[in-house]
Amino acid sequence: MRTEALANPTVLEWARRTAELEAEDARRKAGVKPERHEGWESGERRPTITEICKLADIYKRPLGAKRYGNGAS
């Protein structure tokens, strides 16, 4: 079973850019197809919990509810 993360696409893009990564580099490091990564940042798709944890490591950002925008306080 795949559990999707409620990640804010704007925050995902911000995290990538502030990590000084181009989309292609982030995609390659995450090991996903371009259309999947593009979908995360456009809001058309959601990463899984495993994928969002991997992105947090790649972007060197803490994985926090507010940071990735799932609406939790």
Protein backbone atom coordinates (compact mmCIF):
# COMPACT_ATOMS: atom_id res chain seq x y z
CA MET A 1 0.00 0.00 0.00
CA ARG A 2 1.26 3.43 -0.93
CA THR A 3 0.45 6.30 1.39
CA GLU A 4 0.53 9.71 -0.23
CA ALA A 5 1.99 12.69 1.60
CA LEU A 6 -0.10 15.84 1.76
CA ALA A 7 2.74 17.96 0.42
CA ASN A 8 2.29 21.54 -0.73
CA PRO A 9 3.67 21.76 -4.30
CA THR A 10 4.82 25.37 -3.82
CA VAL A 11 6.81 24.36 -0.75
CA LEU A 12 8.32 21.38 -2.60
CA GLU A 13 9.55 23.69 -5.34
CA TRP A 14 10.83 26.21 -2.77
CA ALA A 15 12.73 23.46 -0.92
CA ARG A 16 14.36 22.29 -4.16
CA ARG A 17 15.32 25.79 -5.25
CA THR A 18 16.74 26.79 -1.87
CA ALA A 19 18.76 23.57 -1.93
CA GLU A 20 20.17 24.99 -5.19
CA LEU A 21 19.04 22.01 -7.25
CA GLU A 22 17.62 22.02 -10.75
CA ALA A 23 14.52 19.88 -11.22
CA GLU A 24 16.48 17.33 -13.29
CA ASP A 25 19.12 16.92 -10.56
CA ALA A 26 16.47 16.50 -7.86
CA ARG A 27 14.56 14.00 -9.99
CA ARG A 28 17.68 11.97 -10.68
CA LYS A 29 18.69 11.92 -7.00
CA ALA A 30 15.15 10.88 -6.02
CA GLY A 31 15.20 8.14 -8.66
CA VAL A 32 11.86 9.06 -10.23
CA LYS A 33 10.68 9.73 -13.76
CA PRO A 34 10.49 13.37 -14.89
CA GLU A 35 6.69 13.36 -15.18
CA ARG A 36 6.34 12.11 -11.62
CA HIS A 37 8.61 14.82 -10.17
CA GLU A 38 6.96 17.50 -12.32
CA GLY A 39 3.59 16.33 -11.05
CA TRP A 40 4.67 16.84 -7.45
CA GLU A 41 5.71 20.43 -8.06
CA SER A 42 2.64 21.21 -10.20
CA GLY A 43 0.24 19.68 -7.70
CA GLU A 44 -1.06 17.09 -10.16
CA ARG A 45 0.47 14.24 -8.14
CA ARG A 46 1.50 13.62 -4.56
CA PRO A 47 4.71 11.95 -3.42
CA THR A 48 4.43 8.97 -1.11
CA ILE A 49 5.60 9.22 2.49
CA THR A 50 8.77 7.36 1.47
CA GLU A 51 9.38 9.76 -1.43
CA ILE A 52 8.81 12.89 0.69
CA CYS A 53 11.29 11.57 3.26
CA LYS A 54 13.82 11.03 0.49
CA LEU A 55 13.23 14.55 -0.83
CA ALA A 56 13.74 15.98 2.65
CA ASP A 57 17.14 14.26 2.75
CA ILE A 58 18.05 15.39 -0.77
CA TYR A 59 17.00 18.99 -0.08
CA LYS A 60 18.63 18.91 3.38
CA ARG A 61 15.41 20.11 4.98
CA PRO A 62 13.66 18.76 8.06
CA LEU A 63 10.53 16.79 7.38
CA GLY A 64 7.93 18.72 9.34
CA ALA A 65 4.21 19.13 8.96
CA LYS A 66 4.40 22.90 8.56
CA ARG A 67 7.49 22.79 6.37
CA TYR A 68 5.84 20.62 3.71
CA GLY A 69 2.38 22.07 4.15
CA ASN A 70 0.06 19.26 5.18
CA GLY A 71 -2.05 21.62 7.27
CA ALA A 72 -1.14 20.24 10.70
CA SER A 73 -0.39 22.71 13.47
